[in-house]
């Protein structure tokens, strides 16, 4: 494995994770505010919650792909597909942790995701061109 590609994969995955986690943190606050503004409305804040969740799940693979392209790496398909699916799983599993006021995903879970992205970036080195 190319060590430079592993470092790039780790940095790209860490940056994408920070962006998507921050989006969910701020967006779920927006959903909680919408719920608080309309406490008697059924599904108040539901639209905001769904919009933020979908945005995070769509944004992650795009950020992973763009990050590897910006670092002049080719063969990002494994990272994009595996990283996107991994983010869907990990953020879905810890969605209640992020949704509570002041909540975040556990640091070990975020580190595990970055390690997964690093491994996928390294494994995708011989996968060919995008």
Protein backbone atom coordinates (compact mmCIF):
# COMPACT_ATOMS: atom_id res chain seq x y z
CA UNK A 1 0.00 0.00 0.00
CA UNK A 2 1.10 3.51 -0.75
CA UNK A 3 1.65 5.35 2.55
CA UNK A 4 0.99 8.76 0.96
CA UNK A 5 -2.41 7.52 -0.21
CA UNK A 6 -3.18 6.25 3.30
CA UNK A 7 -2.35 9.65 4.78
CA UNK A 8 -4.46 11.41 2.16
CA UNK A 9 -7.31 8.98 2.78
CA UNK A 10 -7.11 9.59 6.52
CA UNK A 11 -7.11 13.37 6.12
CA UNK A 12 -9.95 13.34 3.59
CA UNK A 13 -12.05 11.00 5.73
CA UNK A 14 -11.39 13.03 8.88
CA UNK A 15 -12.36 16.29 7.16
CA UNK A 16 -15.50 14.78 5.62
CA UNK A 17 -16.45 13.29 8.99
CA UNK A 18 -16.03 16.66 10.70
CA UNK A 19 -18.18 18.39 8.09
CA UNK A 20 -20.99 15.82 8.16
CA UNK A 21 -20.98 15.51 11.94
CA UNK A 22 -21.12 19.30 12.29
CA UNK A 23 -23.96 19.45 9.79
CA UNK A 24 -25.94 16.90 11.78
CA UNK A 25 -25.17 18.60 15.10
CA UNK A 26 -26.33 22.02 13.87
CA UNK A 27 -29.20 20.67 11.80
CA UNK A 28 -30.67 18.62 14.62
CA UNK A 29 -30.58 21.77 16.76
CA UNK A 30 -32.63 23.42 14.03
CA UNK A 31 -35.10 20.51 14.17
CA UNK A 32 -35.32 20.75 17.98
CA UNK A 33 -36.04 24.50 17.68
CA UNK A 34 -38.80 23.79 15.16
CA UNK A 35 -40.27 21.23 17.57
CA UNK A 36 -40.13 23.73 20.42
CA UNK A 37 -41.80 26.45 18.32
CA UNK A 38 -44.76 24.18 17.51
CA UNK A 39 -45.16 21.79 20.43
CA UNK A 40 -48.75 20.88 19.55
CA UNK A 41 -48.04 20.11 15.89
CA UNK A 42 -47.69 16.48 14.91
CA UNK A 43 -44.24 15.75 13.47
CA UNK A 44 -42.98 19.25 14.24
CA UNK A 45 -39.31 19.33 13.30
CA UNK A 46 -39.65 16.10 11.33
CA UNK A 47 -39.00 17.75 7.98
CA UNK A 48 -35.88 19.46 9.28
CA UNK A 49 -34.63 16.24 10.88
CA UNK A 50 -35.15 14.25 7.66
CA UNK A 51 -33.58 16.96 5.51
CA UNK A 52 -30.45 17.16 7.64
CA UNK A 53 -30.08 13.38 7.83
CA UNK A 54 -30.46 12.98 4.08
CA UNK A 55 -28.06 15.85 3.41
CA UNK A 56 -25.41 14.24 5.60
CA UNK A 57 -25.84 10.84 3.96
CA UNK A 58 -25.61 12.35 0.46
CA UNK A 59 -22.78 14.75 1.30
CA UNK A 60 -20.40 12.17 2.79
CA UNK A 61 -19.65 10.19 -0.40
CA UNK A 62 -19.40 13.43 -2.37
CA UNK A 63 -16.88 14.86 0.08
CA UNK A 64 -14.85 11.64 0.05
CA UNK A 65 -14.74 11.62 -3.74
CA UNK A 66 -13.93 15.33 -4.01
CA UNK A 67 -11.27 15.08 -1.32
CA UNK A 68 -9.41 12.29 -3.08
CA UNK A 69 -9.69 14.11 -6.40
CA UNK A 70 -8.30 17.30 -4.83
CA UNK A 71 -5.35 15.31 -3.51
CA UNK A 72 -4.83 13.95 -7.04
CA UNK A 73 -5.71 10.36 -6.17
CA UNK A 74 -7.61 8.13 -8.56
CA UNK A 75 -9.57 5.01 -7.82
CA UNK A 76 -11.88 6.46 -5.20
CA UNK A 77 -14.81 4.12 -5.88
CA UNK A 78 -14.13 1.81 -2.93
CA UNK A 79 -13.82 4.71 -0.50
CA UNK A 80 -16.90 6.46 -1.90
CA UNK A 81 -19.13 3.38 -1.79
CA UNK A 82 -17.77 1.84 1.41
CA UNK A 83 -17.36 5.16 3.18
CA UNK A 84 -20.83 6.33 2.20
CA UNK A 85 -22.40 3.09 3.40
CA UNK A 86 -20.28 3.13 6.56
CA UNK A 87 -21.40 6.68 7.34
CA UNK A 88 -25.01 5.70 6.83
CA UNK A 89 -24.57 2.88 9.35
CA UNK A 90 -22.56 4.74 11.99
CA UNK A 91 -24.52 7.98 11.86
CA UNK A 92 -27.78 6.04 11.83
CA UNK A 93 -26.72 4.00 14.84
CA UNK A 94 -25.63 7.07 16.84
CA UNK A 95 -28.39 9.37 15.58
CA UNK A 96 -29.94 9.69 19.05
CA UNK A 97 -26.57 10.70 20.51
CA UNK A 98 -26.25 13.56 18.04
CA UNK A 99 -29.92 14.54 18.28
CA UNK A 100 -29.93 15.35 21.98
CA UNK A 101 -29.00 18.89 23.01
CA UNK A 102 -25.21 19.18 23.11
CA UNK A 103 -24.85 15.62 21.86
CA UNK A 104 -22.13 14.16 19.69
CA UNK A 105 -21.15 10.78 18.37
CA UNK A 106 -18.69 8.97 20.64
CA UNK A 107 -15.07 9.74 19.78
CA UNK A 108 -14.15 6.02 19.43
CA UNK A 109 -16.90 5.61 16.83
CA UNK A 110 -15.64 8.61 14.86
CA UNK A 111 -12.07 7.32 15.04
CA UNK A 112 -13.21 3.88 13.88
CA UNK A 113 -14.91 5.50 10.90
CA UNK A 114 -11.75 7.43 10.00
CA UNK A 115 -9.75 4.20 10.23
CA UNK A 116 -12.29 2.50 7.97
CA UNK A 117 -11.98 5.32 5.44
CA UNK A 118 -8.19 5.15 5.62
CA UNK A 119 -8.24 1.41 4.95
CA UNK A 120 -10.72 1.79 2.09
CA UNK A 121 -8.63 4.55 0.51
CA UNK A 122 -5.54 2.35 0.72
CA UNK A 123 -7.33 -0.71 -0.60
CA UNK A 124 -8.77 1.28 -3.50
CA UNK A 125 -5.34 2.25 -4.79
CA UNK A 126 -5.26 -0.54 -7.37
CA UNK A 127 -8.94 -0.34 -8.22
CA UNK A 128 -8.40 1.67 -11.40
CA UNK A 129 -9.75 4.98 -12.53
CA UNK A 130 -12.95 6.78 -11.58
